[in-house]
């Protein structure tokens, strides 16, 4: 069964018990979307959000918001402003690590992107410490008993020729944050069997389980020819268009077409055997409240943020919606039978 067929079957049977749109205050006139998961730091609850005006593209910032009531976040006005997209966090040996995608222009034209990492214990004073390889998003970290697990996400024409999918996910272990570098990320061993022909995706939030497995919340994506609008293809998200109309001679991808479909998935990773266990769909765009999309091609897009366990045994799943909003739904704990999450953010 293809991912498209699995998505259709999932939509027919889904029964979300709760779904809401997050409310953001303090930056009126801007959309906030593709957020990190909410996290607690020094007794207060925060979230990092991607901030951008509706009519602009690839001109966003990452800002910190503090939760003032359930599902409502207010801008933390004294916090740092990061020229990044799609923020994510990890807590590694007591330090908060913030990452996001940096877009580089050359001569006023989009040229490349890469992941930047910041670290520290003071949210007002995180410091930049490294970047990932060029053209790679969705690099994620997880603290392990013996080191740090690193998930990579190469996507280029060589990957497609070798594996048949538009991207793959890799995994490696490094001893500490000081060892994180483009070379070690590039050398991560590929995890087989996750994506089909033409599909891409990546990890969004990773959790060490008490069984020794790693629980991963991620996304899987593909292009559907439905509702395609070739005239506006150049306005798709960076990840779906890759290097469309780029002046970069090393452009690794050919331009896609059609509707960019993003779905929320989970899987259990066995690091000892480098294999995927229990992959499943968690949510699709229709699982969340209805709303607009930045462009028609993103109408079926939910870019996964991650999950937060609940006291009732279920989990809150967060996802960006159509590049304009962030939603939350309640789902069953996705790693049932494979262990409990060791560290709750």
Protein backbone atom coordinates (compact mmCIF):
# COMPACT_ATOMS: atom_id res chain seq x y z
CA UNK A 1 0.00 0.00 0.00
CA UNK A 2 1.38 3.42 -0.95
CA UNK A 3 1.62 6.28 1.53
CA UNK A 4 -1.18 8.04 -0.36
CA UNK A 5 -3.43 5.00 0.07
CA UNK A 6 -2.52 4.73 3.75
CA UNK A 7 -3.34 8.42 4.19
CA UNK A 8 -6.76 7.95 2.57
CA UNK A 9 -7.55 4.98 4.84
CA UNK A 10 -6.36 6.92 7.89
CA UNK A 11 -8.58 9.90 7.09
CA UNK A 12 -11.66 7.68 6.82
CA UNK A 13 -11.08 6.21 10.28
CA UNK A 14 -9.53 9.05 12.27
CA UNK A 15 -11.36 10.23 15.36
CA UNK A 16 -9.39 13.05 17.00
CA UNK A 17 -10.69 13.57 20.54
CA UNK A 18 -9.46 17.15 20.75
CA UNK A 19 -8.04 19.57 18.18
CA UNK A 20 -7.26 23.26 18.59
CA UNK A 21 -5.30 26.08 17.01
CA UNK A 22 -2.63 27.67 19.18
CA UNK A 23 -3.06 31.38 19.83
CA UNK A 24 -0.03 33.70 19.64
CA UNK A 25 -0.06 37.25 20.98
CA UNK A 26 2.38 40.14 20.71
CA UNK A 27 3.21 39.95 16.99
CA UNK A 28 0.04 40.99 15.25
CA UNK A 29 0.27 40.92 11.46
CA UNK A 30 2.56 37.88 11.46
CA UNK A 31 1.77 34.18 11.17
CA UNK A 32 3.38 31.82 13.69
CA UNK A 33 3.82 28.23 12.55
CA UNK A 34 6.16 25.19 12.31
CA UNK A 35 6.99 25.59 15.99
CA UNK A 36 9.16 23.62 18.36
CA UNK A 37 7.38 21.52 20.92
CA UNK A 38 6.37 23.39 24.10
CA UNK A 39 8.98 22.95 26.82
CA UNK A 40 9.50 23.91 30.45
CA UNK A 41 12.61 25.87 31.40
CA UNK A 42 13.29 27.10 34.93
CA UNK A 43 9.67 26.60 35.89
CA UNK A 44 8.11 28.44 32.94
CA UNK A 45 6.56 27.06 29.77
CA UNK A 46 7.76 28.24 26.35
CA UNK A 47 7.61 27.52 22.64
CA UNK A 48 9.76 28.71 19.74
CA UNK A 49 7.78 29.68 16.64
CA UNK A 50 8.58 30.53 13.04
CA UNK A 51 7.28 34.04 12.38
CA UNK A 52 6.52 35.39 8.91
CA UNK A 53 4.10 37.72 7.15
CA UNK A 54 1.47 35.96 5.07
CA UNK A 55 2.53 37.49 1.76
CA UNK A 56 6.27 36.89 2.22
CA UNK A 57 8.29 33.76 1.52
CA UNK A 58 11.66 32.60 2.90
CA UNK A 59 11.87 35.75 5.06
CA UNK A 60 11.10 34.46 8.51
CA UNK A 61 12.46 34.67 12.03
CA UNK A 62 12.30 32.44 15.08
CA UNK A 63 10.91 34.01 18.25
CA UNK A 64 10.32 32.76 21.78
CA UNK A 65 6.80 32.75 23.26
CA UNK A 66 5.71 32.04 26.84
CA UNK A 67 2.54 30.12 27.63
CA UNK A 68 0.13 32.20 29.70
CA UNK A 69 -2.81 29.78 29.55
CA UNK A 70 -3.51 26.50 27.79
CA UNK A 71 -2.80 26.84 24.04
CA UNK A 72 -2.10 30.59 24.35
CA UNK A 73 1.43 31.97 24.01
CA UNK A 74 2.66 35.55 24.39
CA UNK A 75 5.82 36.94 22.78
CA UNK A 76 8.79 37.05 25.11
CA UNK A 77 9.86 40.55 24.09
CA UNK A 78 13.39 40.51 25.51
CA UNK A 79 14.34 37.22 23.90
CA UNK A 80 16.81 36.83 21.05
CA UNK A 81 15.64 37.01 17.44
CA UNK A 82 17.00 34.29 15.16
CA UNK A 83 17.02 34.54 11.36
CA UNK A 84 15.91 30.93 11.03
CA UNK A 85 13.01 28.73 9.95
CA UNK A 86 11.28 25.73 11.55
CA UNK A 87 12.77 25.74 15.07
CA UNK A 88 13.31 22.63 17.17
CA UNK A 89 14.81 21.99 20.59
CA UNK A 90 16.65 19.29 22.50
CA UNK A 91 17.91 19.18 26.06
CA UNK A 92 21.40 17.70 26.17
CA UNK A 93 23.21 17.28 29.49
CA UNK A 94 21.36 20.20 31.07
CA UNK A 95 21.77 22.57 28.12
CA UNK A 96 19.01 23.70 25.83
CA UNK A 97 19.88 23.23 22.16
CA UNK A 98 17.93 25.29 19.62
CA UNK A 99 18.16 24.52 15.94
CA UNK A 100 16.59 25.87 12.79
CA UNK A 101 17.07 26.29 9.05
CA UNK A 102 19.13 29.24 7.82
CA UNK A 103 18.50 30.39 4.23
CA UNK A 104 21.42 32.02 2.44
CA UNK A 105 21.01 34.41 -0.47
CA UNK A 106 23.64 35.47 -2.97
CA UNK A 107 23.18 38.54 -5.18
CA UNK A 108 19.58 38.76 -3.99
CA UNK A 109 18.82 35.21 -5.12
CA UNK A 110 18.16 32.15 -2.99
CA UNK A 111 21.36 30.10 -2.93
CA UNK A 112 21.40 27.44 -0.22
CA UNK A 113 20.19 26.45 3.24
CA UNK A 114 21.61 24.62 6.23
CA UNK A 115 20.80 23.94 9.89
CA UNK A 116 22.25 26.21 12.59
CA UNK A 117 22.58 25.17 16.23
CA UNK A 118 22.60 27.30 19.40
CA UNK A 119 23.17 26.15 22.97
CA UNK A 120 23.12 27.41 26.56
CA UNK A 121 21.27 27.51 29.86
CA UNK A 122 19.98 31.10 29.60
CA UNK A 123 17.20 31.52 27.03
CA UNK A 124 18.23 35.16 26.65
CA UNK A 125 21.81 34.23 25.80
CA UNK A 126 22.01 31.08 23.67
CA UNK A 127 25.18 30.98 21.59
CA UNK A 128 25.73 29.67 18.09
CA UNK A 129 28.12 26.71 18.03
CA UNK A 130 27.87 24.82 14.74
CA UNK A 131 26.01 24.22 11.47
CA UNK A 132 25.04 21.15 9.49
CA UNK A 133 25.89 20.32 5.88
CA UNK A 134 24.66 22.49 3.04
CA UNK A 135 21.22 21.57 1.67
CA UNK A 136 20.22 19.51 4.74
CA UNK A 137 17.20 20.11 6.96
CA UNK A 138 15.70 17.96 9.71
CA UNK A 139 18.86 17.17 11.67
CA UNK A 140 17.77 16.12 15.14
CA UNK A 141 19.54 15.25 18.41
CA UNK A 142 18.69 12.99 21.32
CA UNK A 143 20.66 12.42 24.53
CA UNK A 144 21.65 8.78 25.03
CA UNK A 145 23.28 7.05 28.00
CA UNK A 146 26.54 6.92 26.05
CA UNK A 147 26.68 10.02 23.92
CA UNK A 148 24.29 11.89 21.62
CA UNK A 149 22.24 10.34 18.85
CA UNK A 150 22.19 12.37 15.62
CA UNK A 151 19.58 11.87 12.89
CA UNK A 152 20.44 13.29 9.46
CA UNK A 153 18.31 13.92 6.37
CA UNK A 154 20.23 13.96 3.05
CA UNK A 155 18.14 14.83 0.04
CA UNK A 156 19.59 15.09 -3.45
CA UNK A 157 19.59 13.42 -6.85
CA UNK A 158 22.28 10.93 -5.79
CA UNK A 159 20.06 9.79 -2.93
CA UNK A 160 17.15 9.34 -5.33
CA UNK A 161 19.27 7.34 -7.77
CA UNK A 162 20.65 5.07 -5.05
CA UNK A 163 17.60 4.57 -2.82
CA UNK A 164 14.63 5.45 -5.03
CA UNK A 165 13.26 8.01 -2.55
CA UNK A 166 13.75 11.76 -2.62
CA UNK A 167 15.41 11.66 0.82
CA UNK A 168 16.63 9.22 3.45
CA UNK A 169 17.30 9.43 7.18
CA UNK A 170 20.67 8.55 8.68
CA UNK A 171 21.83 7.92 12.24
CA UNK A 172 25.11 8.21 14.09
CA UNK A 173 26.33 8.69 17.68
CA UNK A 174 28.77 11.37 18.82
CA UNK A 175 30.35 11.73 22.29
CA UNK A 176 29.29 15.33 23.01
CA UNK A 177 27.94 18.56 21.51
CA UNK A 178 31.43 19.80 20.73
CA UNK A 179 31.71 16.90 18.27
CA UNK A 180 28.68 17.93 16.20
CA UNK A 181 29.89 19.00 12.76
CA UNK A 182 28.92 18.71 9.06
CA UNK A 183 31.29 15.81 8.50
CA UNK A 184 29.87 13.57 11.23
CA UNK A 185 26.30 14.37 10.14
CA UNK A 186 27.12 13.58 6.52
CA UNK A 187 28.66 10.25 7.54
CA UNK A 188 25.55 8.98 9.39
CA UNK A 189 24.55 5.46 8.35
CA UNK A 190 21.36 5.37 6.26
CA UNK A 191 18.32 3.76 7.89
CA UNK A 192 16.66 1.64 5.20
CA UNK A 193 13.03 1.20 4.23
CA UNK A 194 11.31 4.38 5.39
CA UNK A 195 10.42 6.24 2.20
CA UNK A 196 8.98 5.10 -1.11
CA UNK A 197 9.62 6.34 -4.62
CA UNK A 198 9.49 10.13 -4.80
CA UNK A 199 8.84 10.48 -1.05
CA UNK A 200 10.85 12.54 1.39
CA UNK A 201 10.64 13.38 5.06
CA UNK A 202 12.59 13.53 8.27
CA UNK A 203 12.71 13.41 12.05
CA UNK A 204 11.14 16.29 13.97
CA UNK A 205 11.49 15.30 17.63
CA UNK A 206 13.28 12.29 19.13
CA UNK A 207 12.85 10.67 22.55
CA UNK A 208 14.97 8.10 24.36
CA UNK A 209 12.73 5.30 25.61
CA UNK A 210 13.45 3.31 28.77
CA UNK A 211 13.74 0.19 26.60
CA UNK A 212 16.82 1.61 24.86
CA UNK A 213 14.88 2.25 21.66
CA UNK A 214 14.41 5.79 20.33
CA UNK A 215 10.89 7.05 19.70
CA UNK A 216 10.75 9.37 16.69
CA UNK A 217 8.02 11.80 15.70
CA UNK A 218 8.54 12.84 12.09
CA UNK A 219 6.98 13.75 8.79
CA UNK A 220 6.55 12.01 5.47
CA UNK A 221 5.87 13.94 2.28
CA UNK A 222 5.10 13.45 -1.38
CA UNK A 223 3.70 15.37 -4.31
CA UNK A 224 0.15 14.74 -5.43
CA UNK A 225 -0.87 15.91 -8.92
CA UNK A 226 -4.27 16.91 -7.55
CA UNK A 227 -4.99 20.64 -7.61
CA UNK A 228 -1.62 21.35 -9.19
CA UNK A 229 -1.00 24.96 -10.17
CA UNK A 230 2.17 25.09 -12.30
CA UNK A 231 2.02 28.88 -12.51
CA UNK A 232 2.65 29.15 -8.78
CA UNK A 233 5.13 26.28 -8.41
CA UNK A 234 7.93 28.69 -7.51
CA UNK A 235 6.06 29.75 -4.37
CA UNK A 236 6.14 26.36 -2.67
CA UNK A 237 8.00 25.88 0.60
CA UNK A 238 11.78 25.58 0.40
CA UNK A 239 11.70 21.92 1.30
CA UNK A 240 9.25 21.00 -1.42
CA UNK A 241 10.79 23.09 -4.19
CA UNK A 242 14.37 22.55 -3.05
CA UNK A 243 16.31 24.78 -5.43
CA UNK A 244 13.70 25.83 -7.95
CA UNK A 245 14.93 28.88 -9.91
CA UNK A 246 18.13 28.93 -7.85
CA UNK A 247 21.33 30.33 -9.33
CA UNK A 248 23.31 27.70 -7.48
CA UNK A 249 25.10 25.48 -10.03
CA UNK A 250 25.13 22.64 -7.49
CA UNK A 251 21.33 22.52 -7.32
CA UNK A 252 20.72 18.90 -6.19
CA UNK A 253 17.03 18.55 -7.02
CA UNK A 254 14.77 18.90 -10.02
CA UNK A 255 11.63 21.07 -9.67
CA UNK A 256 8.55 19.15 -8.46
CA UNK A 257 4.96 19.87 -9.34
CA UNK A 258 1.56 19.45 -7.73
CA UNK A 259 0.20 19.52 -4.21
CA UNK A 260 2.81 19.08 -1.47
CA UNK A 261 1.32 16.56 1.00
CA UNK A 262 2.88 16.46 4.48
CA UNK A 263 1.73 14.00 7.14
CA UNK A 264 2.71 13.41 10.79
CA UNK A 265 4.26 10.00 11.44
CA UNK A 266 5.99 8.10 14.22
CA UNK A 267 8.35 5.17 14.31
CA UNK A 268 10.49 3.34 16.81
CA UNK A 269 14.19 3.18 15.97
CA UNK A 270 16.40 0.31 17.11
CA UNK A 271 19.91 1.85 17.20
CA UNK A 272 21.60 -1.50 17.87
CA UNK A 273 20.29 -2.95 14.58
CA UNK A 274 19.79 0.28 12.60
CA UNK A 275 16.18 -0.60 11.80
CA UNK A 276 12.71 0.92 11.89
CA UNK A 277 9.94 -0.60 14.02
CA UNK A 278 6.22 0.20 14.11
CA UNK A 279 5.97 3.08 11.66
CA UNK A 280 2.50 4.66 11.63
CA UNK A 281 0.56 7.74 10.58
CA UNK A 282 -0.36 9.95 13.53
CA UNK A 283 -2.19 12.80 11.83
CA UNK A 284 -2.88 14.51 8.52
CA UNK A 285 -3.95 18.07 7.77
CA UNK A 286 -7.64 17.24 8.22
CA UNK A 287 -6.91 15.97 11.75
CA UNK A 288 -6.45 19.59 12.82
CA UNK A 289 -8.94 22.47 12.72
CA UNK A 290 -9.60 23.86 9.23
CA UNK A 291 -7.88 27.03 8.10
CA UNK A 292 -6.09 28.79 5.26
CA UNK A 293 -2.75 27.93 3.67
CA UNK A 294 0.00 30.27 2.60
CA UNK A 295 -0.34 28.94 -0.95
CA UNK A 296 -2.83 26.50 -2.53
CA UNK A 297 -0.06 23.93 -2.92
CA UNK A 298 0.28 23.76 0.89
CA UNK A 299 -3.40 23.13 1.66
CA UNK A 300 -2.70 19.49 2.62
CA UNK A 301 0.42 20.19 4.65
CA UNK A 302 1.02 19.60 8.35
CA UNK A 303 4.69 19.91 9.26
CA UNK A 304 5.25 17.94 12.46
CA UNK A 305 6.56 19.66 15.58
CA UNK A 306 6.49 16.77 18.08
CA UNK A 307 4.55 15.44 21.02
CA UNK A 308 4.25 16.05 24.74
CA UNK A 309 3.03 13.19 26.98
CA UNK A 310 -0.13 13.82 29.01
CA UNK A 311 -1.01 12.73 32.52
CA UNK A 312 -3.95 10.68 31.18
CA UNK A 313 -1.57 8.43 29.23
CA UNK A 314 -2.28 10.04 25.88
CA UNK A 315 -0.15 12.66 24.14
CA UNK A 316 -0.51 16.16 22.72
CA UNK A 317 0.73 16.22 19.13
CA UNK A 318 1.73 19.58 17.63
CA UNK A 319 2.02 20.47 13.95
CA UNK A 320 2.42 23.45 11.66
CA UNK A 321 -0.53 23.95 9.31
CA UNK A 322 -0.23 25.20 5.74
CA UNK A 323 2.68 27.51 6.65
CA UNK A 324 0.31 29.86 8.51
CA UNK A 325 -0.66 28.33 11.88
CA UNK A 326 0.18 25.77 14.58
CA UNK A 327 -2.26 23.16 15.84
CA UNK A 328 -2.56 20.64 18.67
CA UNK A 329 -4.46 17.35 18.76
CA UNK A 330 -4.73 14.59 21.34
CA UNK A 331 -3.56 11.14 20.21
CA UNK A 332 -2.86 7.76 21.77
CA UNK A 333 0.70 7.33 23.01
CA UNK A 334 2.44 6.16 19.80
CA UNK A 335 5.24 4.08 21.34
CA UNK A 336 3.02 1.71 23.31
CA UNK A 337 4.78 -1.63 23.82
CA UNK A 338 8.22 -0.20 23.09
CA UNK A 339 8.90 1.76 26.28
CA UNK A 340 8.18 5.03 28.05
CA UNK A 341 9.83 8.37 27.30
CA UNK A 342 12.75 8.92 29.67
CA UNK A 343 12.85 12.72 29.53
CA UNK A 344 9.76 14.91 29.28
CA UNK A 345 10.37 18.44 27.99
